[in-house]
Amino acid sequence: MKRPKEPKMIIGWREWISLPDLNVPAIKVKVDTGARTSALHAFDIVPFERDGIRCVSFNVHPLQGNDDLVIPCSAPLVDCRNVTNSGGQSQRRHVIATPLLLAGRSWPIELTLTNRDEMRFRMLLGRNAMSGRLLVDPSLSMQAGNAVAKRAYSKRKKGD
């Protein structure tokens, strides 16, 4: 028997999400229907092999304006792709797949890894990750709430 399809969730132009498999409890994303792929702020990106599987390790600053909080991550490498950024420049990026958690719903997405230090958001949620699941109302913001971020980081001190 086929599982009934979940109704599409209405989200705003920015939201808090979690990346549980990367141990990122909360990160604020800019929802961008103009971007095909999703991008995660990552640095110290190092490809490696584990048990014959290509992987990548990297670090994430999940909170904009807080470079003291660093989350080390690793994931299997899905691909390396040329991605054209908003400035029209092509950049070769590592691509990983990981579950995204938003307002109690979870599904797998692909993320490109890139330095987003100069951007206002540490993650960009592109349309491939939204397809068939989300509707975006640009007049709305934080429809999933801020509670996830407050709970995730309230007990951490600067430098933890």
N, C-alpha and C. Protein backbone atom coordinates (compact mmCIF):
# COMPACT_ATOMS: atom_id res chain seq x y z
N MET A 1 0.84 -1.18 0.00
CA MET A 1 0.00 0.00 0.00
C MET A 1 0.88 1.25 0.00
N LYS A 2 0.57 2.17 -0.86
CA LYS A 2 1.35 3.40 -0.99
C LYS A 2 1.03 4.35 0.15
N ARG A 3 2.09 4.94 0.72
CA ARG A 3 1.93 5.90 1.80
C ARG A 3 1.34 7.20 1.27
N PRO A 4 0.35 7.78 1.97
CA PRO A 4 -0.22 9.05 1.48
C PRO A 4 0.83 10.16 1.50
N LYS A 5 0.75 11.01 0.50
CA LYS A 5 1.69 12.12 0.37
C LYS A 5 1.41 13.17 1.45
N GLU A 6 2.49 13.66 2.08
CA GLU A 6 2.32 14.74 3.07
C GLU A 6 1.98 16.03 2.34
N PRO A 7 1.13 16.85 2.93
CA PRO A 7 0.86 18.15 2.30
C PRO A 7 2.12 19.01 2.32
N LYS A 8 2.23 19.87 1.33
CA LYS A 8 3.39 20.76 1.27
C LYS A 8 3.35 21.74 2.43
N MET A 9 4.50 21.92 3.05
CA MET A 9 4.65 22.85 4.16
C MET A 9 4.92 24.24 3.61
N ILE A 10 4.28 25.25 4.18
CA ILE A 10 4.53 26.63 3.78
C ILE A 10 5.61 27.20 4.70
N ILE A 11 6.67 27.69 4.08
CA ILE A 11 7.78 28.27 4.83
C ILE A 11 8.03 29.69 4.36
N GLY A 12 8.84 30.41 5.12
CA GLY A 12 9.17 31.79 4.78
C GLY A 12 10.51 31.89 4.06
N TRP A 13 10.95 33.11 3.86
CA TRP A 13 12.18 33.34 3.10
C TRP A 13 13.44 32.99 3.89
N ARG A 14 13.29 32.81 5.21
CA ARG A 14 14.40 32.32 6.04
C ARG A 14 13.79 31.42 7.11
N GLU A 15 14.56 30.39 7.49
CA GLU A 15 14.08 29.40 8.45
C GLU A 15 15.26 28.83 9.24
N TRP A 16 14.97 28.24 10.39
CA TRP A 16 15.94 27.46 11.15
C TRP A 16 15.72 25.99 10.80
N ILE A 17 16.80 25.29 10.47
CA ILE A 17 16.73 23.86 10.19
C ILE A 17 17.81 23.16 11.01
N SER A 18 17.76 21.83 11.00
CA SER A 18 18.81 21.02 11.63
C SER A 18 19.40 20.08 10.59
N LEU A 19 20.66 19.73 10.78
CA LEU A 19 21.33 18.72 9.97
C LEU A 19 21.83 17.65 10.94
N PRO A 20 20.94 16.75 11.37
CA PRO A 20 21.28 15.82 12.46
C PRO A 20 22.47 14.90 12.18
N ASP A 21 22.63 14.41 10.97
CA ASP A 21 23.74 13.51 10.68
C ASP A 21 25.09 14.22 10.69
N LEU A 22 25.08 15.55 10.60
CA LEU A 22 26.31 16.34 10.68
C LEU A 22 26.51 16.92 12.07
N ASN A 23 25.61 16.58 13.01
CA ASN A 23 25.65 17.11 14.37
C ASN A 23 25.50 18.62 14.42
N VAL A 24 24.75 19.17 13.47
CA VAL A 24 24.44 20.60 13.45
C VAL A 24 22.99 20.72 13.93
N PRO A 25 22.80 21.10 15.21
CA PRO A 25 21.45 21.12 15.77
C PRO A 25 20.57 22.23 15.22
N ALA A 26 21.19 23.32 14.76
CA ALA A 26 20.41 24.43 14.20
C ALA A 26 21.31 25.31 13.35
N ILE A 27 20.75 25.71 12.21
CA ILE A 27 21.45 26.65 11.33
C ILE A 27 20.37 27.44 10.59
N LYS A 28 20.57 28.75 10.51
CA LYS A 28 19.61 29.60 9.83
C LYS A 28 19.88 29.55 8.32
N VAL A 29 18.83 29.26 7.55
CA VAL A 29 18.99 29.16 6.10
C VAL A 29 18.22 30.28 5.41
N LYS A 30 18.78 30.71 4.30
CA LYS A 30 18.04 31.58 3.39
C LYS A 30 17.40 30.65 2.37
N VAL A 31 16.12 30.77 2.22
CA VAL A 31 15.38 29.95 1.26
C VAL A 31 15.45 30.68 -0.08
N ASP A 32 16.02 30.00 -1.08
CA ASP A 32 16.30 30.67 -2.36
C ASP A 32 15.79 29.83 -3.52
N THR A 33 14.60 30.17 -4.01
CA THR A 33 14.03 29.42 -5.13
C THR A 33 14.77 29.69 -6.44
N GLY A 34 15.61 30.71 -6.46
CA GLY A 34 16.40 30.99 -7.65
C GLY A 34 17.67 30.15 -7.75
N ALA A 35 18.05 29.54 -6.64
CA ALA A 35 19.25 28.69 -6.62
C ALA A 35 18.83 27.24 -6.82
N ARG A 36 19.50 26.54 -7.71
CA ARG A 36 19.18 25.13 -7.93
C ARG A 36 19.67 24.28 -6.78
N THR A 37 20.92 24.49 -6.37
CA THR A 37 21.52 23.64 -5.34
C THR A 37 21.56 24.36 -3.99
N SER A 38 21.65 23.59 -2.95
CA SER A 38 21.80 24.12 -1.59
C SER A 38 23.28 24.19 -1.27
N ALA A 39 23.67 25.16 -0.46
CA ALA A 39 25.07 25.36 -0.12
C ALA A 39 25.22 25.54 1.38
N LEU A 40 26.23 24.90 1.93
CA LEU A 40 26.53 24.99 3.36
C LEU A 40 27.88 25.65 3.54
N HIS A 41 27.95 26.59 4.50
CA HIS A 41 29.23 27.21 4.84
C HIS A 41 30.14 26.14 5.43
N ALA A 42 31.27 25.92 4.81
CA ALA A 42 32.23 24.93 5.30
C ALA A 42 33.65 25.46 5.06
N PHE A 43 34.54 25.04 5.95
CA PHE A 43 35.95 25.42 5.79
C PHE A 43 36.81 24.25 6.26
N ASP A 44 38.10 24.31 5.98
CA ASP A 44 39.03 23.20 6.25
C ASP A 44 38.50 21.92 5.62
N ILE A 45 38.10 22.01 4.36
CA ILE A 45 37.52 20.88 3.62
C ILE A 45 38.65 19.96 3.17
N VAL A 46 38.57 18.68 3.60
CA VAL A 46 39.63 17.72 3.27
C VAL A 46 39.00 16.41 2.77
N PRO A 47 39.20 16.09 1.49
CA PRO A 47 38.72 14.80 1.00
C PRO A 47 39.60 13.67 1.54
N PHE A 48 39.00 12.51 1.80
CA PHE A 48 39.75 11.34 2.26
C PHE A 48 38.98 10.09 1.89
N GLU A 49 39.59 8.94 2.12
CA GLU A 49 38.94 7.68 1.82
C GLU A 49 38.83 6.85 3.09
N ARG A 50 37.65 6.26 3.32
CA ARG A 50 37.42 5.41 4.49
C ARG A 50 36.79 4.10 4.00
N ASP A 51 37.49 3.00 4.21
CA ASP A 51 36.98 1.68 3.79
C ASP A 51 36.58 1.67 2.33
N GLY A 52 37.38 2.30 1.49
CA GLY A 52 37.12 2.33 0.05
C GLY A 52 36.05 3.31 -0.38
N ILE A 53 35.53 4.10 0.55
CA ILE A 53 34.48 5.08 0.23
C ILE A 53 35.08 6.49 0.28
N ARG A 54 34.84 7.25 -0.79
CA ARG A 54 35.32 8.64 -0.82
C ARG A 54 34.48 9.47 0.14
N CYS A 55 35.15 10.22 1.01
CA CYS A 55 34.49 11.04 2.02
C CYS A 55 35.12 12.42 2.03
N VAL A 56 34.56 13.29 2.84
CA VAL A 56 35.11 14.62 3.02
C VAL A 56 34.89 15.03 4.48
N SER A 57 35.91 15.63 5.07
CA SER A 57 35.77 16.21 6.41
C SER A 57 35.82 17.72 6.25
N PHE A 58 35.14 18.41 7.15
CA PHE A 58 35.07 19.87 7.08
C PHE A 58 34.57 20.39 8.42
N ASN A 59 34.71 21.68 8.60
CA ASN A 59 34.21 22.35 9.80
C ASN A 59 33.11 23.33 9.40
N VAL A 60 32.19 23.56 10.35
CA VAL A 60 31.07 24.47 10.12
C VAL A 60 30.99 25.46 11.27
N HIS A 61 30.81 26.73 10.94
CA HIS A 61 30.41 27.76 11.90
C HIS A 61 28.90 27.90 11.70
N PRO A 62 28.07 27.29 12.54
CA PRO A 62 26.63 27.31 12.27
C PRO A 62 25.94 28.65 12.53
N LEU A 63 26.56 29.50 13.34
CA LEU A 63 25.92 30.78 13.68
C LEU A 63 26.68 31.94 13.04
N GLN A 64 25.97 32.74 12.27
CA GLN A 64 26.58 33.91 11.65
C GLN A 64 27.11 34.84 12.73
N GLY A 65 28.30 35.36 12.55
CA GLY A 65 28.88 36.28 13.52
C GLY A 65 29.51 35.60 14.72
N ASN A 66 29.56 34.27 14.73
CA ASN A 66 30.18 33.54 15.84
C ASN A 66 31.16 32.52 15.27
N ASP A 67 32.41 32.92 15.14
CA ASP A 67 33.43 32.01 14.63
C ASP A 67 34.04 31.16 15.74
N ASP A 68 33.63 31.38 16.99
CA ASP A 68 34.13 30.58 18.10
C ASP A 68 33.47 29.20 18.14
N LEU A 69 32.24 29.11 17.68
CA LEU A 69 31.53 27.83 17.67
C LEU A 69 31.87 27.10 16.37
N VAL A 70 32.56 25.97 16.51
CA VAL A 70 32.98 25.18 15.36
C VAL A 70 32.45 23.76 15.54
N ILE A 71 31.79 23.24 14.50
CA ILE A 71 31.31 21.87 14.53
C ILE A 71 32.07 21.09 13.47
N PRO A 72 32.88 20.09 13.91
CA PRO A 72 33.56 19.25 12.93
C PRO A 72 32.59 18.24 12.32
N CYS A 73 32.67 18.05 11.01
CA CYS A 73 31.75 17.17 10.29
C CYS A 73 32.51 16.28 9.32
N SER A 74 31.89 15.17 8.96
CA SER A 74 32.38 14.36 7.85
C SER A 74 31.20 13.65 7.23
N ALA A 75 31.33 13.34 5.94
CA ALA A 75 30.24 12.70 5.21
C ALA A 75 30.81 12.04 3.96
N PRO A 76 30.13 11.02 3.46
CA PRO A 76 30.52 10.47 2.16
C PRO A 76 30.41 11.54 1.07
N LEU A 77 31.33 11.49 0.14
CA LEU A 77 31.36 12.45 -0.96
C LEU A 77 30.47 11.92 -2.09
N VAL A 78 29.48 12.69 -2.48
CA VAL A 78 28.57 12.30 -3.56
C VAL A 78 29.19 12.64 -4.91
N ASP A 79 29.83 13.82 -4.98
CA ASP A 79 30.32 14.31 -6.26
C ASP A 79 31.18 15.54 -6.04
N CYS A 80 31.86 15.97 -7.07
CA CYS A 80 32.48 17.29 -7.14
C CYS A 80 31.90 17.93 -8.39
N ARG A 81 31.34 19.13 -8.24
CA ARG A 81 30.65 19.78 -9.35
C ARG A 81 31.07 21.22 -9.50
N ASN A 82 30.95 21.70 -10.73
CA ASN A 82 31.11 23.13 -10.97
C ASN A 82 29.77 23.79 -10.69
N VAL A 83 29.78 24.79 -9.82
CA VAL A 83 28.57 25.52 -9.45
C VAL A 83 28.82 26.99 -9.76
N THR A 84 27.84 27.63 -10.39
CA THR A 84 27.93 29.06 -10.67
C THR A 84 27.28 29.81 -9.52
N ASN A 85 28.06 30.68 -8.88
CA ASN A 85 27.52 31.42 -7.74
C ASN A 85 26.71 32.62 -8.20
N SER A 86 26.15 33.36 -7.25
CA SER A 86 25.28 34.50 -7.58
C SER A 86 26.03 35.60 -8.32
N GLY A 87 27.34 35.61 -8.21
CA GLY A 87 28.15 36.60 -8.93
C GLY A 87 28.51 36.17 -10.33
N GLY A 88 28.04 34.98 -10.74
CA GLY A 88 28.31 34.49 -12.09
C GLY A 88 29.63 33.74 -12.23
N GLN A 89 30.35 33.54 -11.13
CA GLN A 89 31.63 32.83 -11.18
C GLN A 89 31.42 31.35 -10.93
N SER A 90 32.13 30.53 -11.69
CA SER A 90 32.04 29.08 -11.53
C SER A 90 33.07 28.63 -10.50
N GLN A 91 32.66 27.72 -9.64
CA GLN A 91 33.53 27.22 -8.57
C GLN A 91 33.34 25.71 -8.47
N ARG A 92 34.43 24.98 -8.33
CA ARG A 92 34.37 23.53 -8.14
C ARG A 92 34.08 23.27 -6.66
N ARG A 93 33.00 22.51 -6.37
CA ARG A 93 32.60 22.27 -4.98
C ARG A 93 32.40 20.78 -4.71
N HIS A 94 32.70 20.40 -3.48
CA HIS A 94 32.38 19.06 -3.00
C HIS A 94 30.89 19.00 -2.70
N VAL A 95 30.27 17.84 -2.98
CA VAL A 95 28.84 17.65 -2.76
C VAL A 95 28.63 16.47 -1.82
N ILE A 96 27.80 16.68 -0.80
CA ILE A 96 27.45 15.61 0.13
C ILE A 96 25.93 15.47 0.16
N ALA A 97 25.45 14.37 0.69
CA ALA A 97 24.02 14.17 0.91
C ALA A 97 23.81 13.96 2.40
N THR A 98 22.78 14.57 2.94
CA THR A 98 22.49 14.46 4.37
C THR A 98 21.02 14.76 4.61
N PRO A 99 20.44 14.20 5.67
CA PRO A 99 19.05 14.56 5.97
C PRO A 99 18.94 15.99 6.52
N LEU A 100 17.88 16.66 6.12
CA LEU A 100 17.51 17.97 6.64
C LEU A 100 16.30 17.76 7.53
N LEU A 101 16.24 18.47 8.65
CA LEU A 101 15.10 18.40 9.56
C LEU A 101 14.52 19.80 9.68
N LEU A 102 13.23 19.93 9.34
CA LEU A 102 12.54 21.21 9.38
C LEU A 102 11.15 20.99 9.95
N ALA A 103 10.86 21.61 11.08
CA ALA A 103 9.53 21.55 11.71
C ALA A 103 9.03 20.11 11.86
N GLY A 104 9.91 19.23 12.29
CA GLY A 104 9.53 17.84 12.53
C GLY A 104 9.52 16.94 11.31
N ARG A 105 9.77 17.48 10.14
CA ARG A 105 9.84 16.68 8.92
C ARG A 105 11.29 16.54 8.49
N SER A 106 11.63 15.36 7.98
CA SER A 106 13.00 15.10 7.57
C SER A 106 13.01 14.49 6.17
N TRP A 107 14.01 14.86 5.37
CA TRP A 107 14.20 14.27 4.05
C TRP A 107 15.65 14.50 3.63
N PRO A 108 16.16 13.65 2.72
CA PRO A 108 17.55 13.80 2.28
C PRO A 108 17.71 14.94 1.26
N ILE A 109 18.81 15.67 1.40
CA ILE A 109 19.13 16.73 0.45
C ILE A 109 20.60 16.62 0.07
N GLU A 110 20.97 17.24 -1.02
CA GLU A 110 22.37 17.39 -1.39
C GLU A 110 22.81 18.81 -1.03
N LEU A 111 24.04 18.91 -0.55
CA LEU A 111 24.63 20.20 -0.18
C LEU A 111 25.99 20.35 -0.85
N THR A 112 26.24 21.52 -1.40
CA THR A 112 27.60 21.82 -1.84
C THR A 112 28.30 22.51 -0.67
N LEU A 113 29.58 22.28 -0.54
CA LEU A 113 30.37 22.87 0.54
C LEU A 113 31.18 24.04 0.00
N THR A 114 31.04 25.19 0.64
CA THR A 114 31.73 26.39 0.18
C THR A 114 31.87 27.37 1.33
N ASN A 115 32.81 28.29 1.20
CA ASN A 115 32.99 29.31 2.23
C ASN A 115 31.94 30.40 2.01
N ARG A 116 31.06 30.56 3.01
CA ARG A 116 30.00 31.57 2.95
C ARG A 116 30.23 32.66 4.01
N ASP A 117 31.48 32.84 4.42
CA ASP A 117 31.80 33.84 5.45
C ASP A 117 31.27 35.23 5.11
N GLU A 118 31.31 35.59 3.85
CA GLU A 118 30.90 36.94 3.45
C GLU A 118 29.40 37.05 3.21
N MET A 119 28.69 35.95 3.35
CA MET A 119 27.25 35.95 3.11
C MET A 119 26.50 36.13 4.43
N ARG A 120 25.25 36.59 4.36
CA ARG A 120 24.46 36.82 5.58
C ARG A 120 23.97 35.53 6.21
N PHE A 121 23.91 34.45 5.44
CA PHE A 121 23.40 33.17 5.95
C PHE A 121 24.44 32.09 5.74
N ARG A 122 24.57 31.21 6.74
CA ARG A 122 25.54 30.12 6.68
C ARG A 122 25.09 28.99 5.77
N MET A 123 23.81 29.01 5.37
CA MET A 123 23.33 27.99 4.46
C MET A 123 22.28 28.57 3.54
N LEU A 124 22.30 28.10 2.31
CA LEU A 124 21.32 28.47 1.30
C LEU A 124 20.53 27.21 0.97
N LEU A 125 19.21 27.28 1.06
CA LEU A 125 18.35 26.15 0.72
C LEU A 125 17.82 26.37 -0.69
N GLY A 126 18.33 25.57 -1.63
CA GLY A 126 17.95 25.71 -3.03
C GLY A 126 16.71 24.91 -3.39
N ARG A 127 16.23 25.12 -4.61
CA ARG A 127 14.94 24.53 -5.00
C ARG A 127 14.97 23.02 -5.12
N ASN A 128 16.11 22.40 -5.43
CA ASN A 128 16.15 20.93 -5.49
C ASN A 128 15.80 20.32 -4.13
N ALA A 129 16.20 20.96 -3.05
CA ALA A 129 15.92 20.45 -1.71
C ALA A 129 14.47 20.69 -1.30
N MET A 130 13.81 21.62 -1.96
CA MET A 130 12.43 21.96 -1.62
C MET A 130 11.40 21.22 -2.46
N SER A 131 11.80 20.76 -3.61
CA SER A 131 10.90 20.24 -4.63
C SER A 131 9.92 19.21 -4.09
N GLY A 132 8.64 19.48 -4.30
CA GLY A 132 7.59 18.57 -3.92
C GLY A 132 7.24 18.56 -2.43
N ARG A 133 7.96 19.32 -1.61
CA ARG A 133 7.76 19.28 -0.17
C ARG A 133 7.36 20.63 0.43
N LEU A 134 7.87 21.70 -0.17
CA LEU A 134 7.72 23.02 0.44
C LEU A 134 7.14 24.03 -0.54
N LEU A 135 6.38 24.97 0.02
CA LEU A 135 5.94 26.15 -0.70
C LEU A 135 6.52 27.35 0.03
N VAL A 136 7.01 28.32 -0.71
CA VAL A 136 7.65 29.48 -0.09
C VAL A 136 6.76 30.70 -0.24
N ASP A 137 6.49 31.33 0.89
CA ASP A 137 5.78 32.60 0.92
C ASP A 137 6.80 33.65 1.34
N PRO A 138 7.27 34.49 0.41
CA PRO A 138 8.33 35.44 0.74
C PRO A 138 7.92 36.52 1.73
N SER A 139 6.63 36.62 2.02
CA SER A 139 6.21 37.60 3.02
C SER A 139 6.34 37.03 4.44
N LEU A 140 6.65 35.74 4.54
CA LEU A 140 6.78 35.08 5.85
C LEU A 140 8.24 34.86 6.20
N SER A 141 8.48 34.66 7.49
CA SER A 141 9.83 34.38 7.99
C SER A 141 9.72 33.53 9.24
N MET A 142 10.61 32.56 9.39
CA MET A 142 10.71 31.73 10.59
C MET A 142 9.40 31.02 10.93
N GLN A 143 8.78 30.40 9.95
CA GLN A 143 7.52 29.67 10.17
C GLN A 143 7.73 28.44 11.05
N ALA A 144 8.93 27.86 11.00
CA ALA A 144 9.24 26.70 11.84
C ALA A 144 9.60 27.14 13.25
N GLY A 145 9.78 28.44 13.47
CA GLY A 145 10.06 28.97 14.80
C GLY A 145 11.53 29.11 15.11
N ASN A 146 11.82 29.84 16.16
CA ASN A 146 13.19 30.05 16.63
C ASN A 146 13.56 29.11 17.76
N ALA A 147 12.60 28.34 18.25
CA ALA A 147 12.85 27.50 19.42
C ALA A 147 13.97 26.50 19.21
N VAL A 148 14.08 25.96 18.01
CA VAL A 148 15.11 24.96 17.75
C VAL A 148 16.51 25.55 17.99
N ALA A 149 16.74 26.76 17.55
CA ALA A 149 18.05 27.39 17.72
C ALA A 149 18.30 27.75 19.18
N LYS A 150 17.27 28.27 19.83
CA LYS A 150 17.43 28.65 21.24
C LYS A 150 17.76 27.43 22.10
N ARG A 151 17.08 26.32 21.86
CA ARG A 151 17.36 25.09 22.61
C ARG A 151 18.75 24.54 22.27
N ALA A 152 19.11 24.59 20.99
CA ALA A 152 20.35 23.98 20.53
C ALA A 152 21.58 24.66 21.11
N TYR A 153 21.54 25.98 21.22
CA TYR A 153 22.75 26.70 21.59
C TYR A 153 22.65 27.42 22.93
N SER A 154 21.54 27.34 23.62
CA SER A 154 21.38 28.08 24.87
C SER A 154 22.33 27.62 25.96
N LYS A 155 22.71 26.34 25.95
CA LYS A 155 23.58 25.83 27.00
C LYS A 155 25.05 25.90 26.65
N ARG A 156 25.34 26.27 25.40
CA ARG A 156 26.74 26.40 24.98
C ARG A 156 27.25 27.78 25.31
N LYS A 157 28.47 27.82 25.79
CA LYS A 157 29.11 29.10 26.06
C LYS A 157 30.01 29.43 24.88
N LYS A 158 30.38 30.67 24.77
CA LYS A 158 31.28 31.10 23.71
C LYS A 158 32.57 30.28 23.82
N GLY A 159 32.97 29.69 22.70
CA GLY A 159 34.19 28.88 22.68
C GLY A 159 33.93 27.41 22.88
N ASP A 160 32.70 26.99 23.22
CA ASP A 160 32.38 25.56 23.40
C ASP A 160 32.22 24.89 22.06
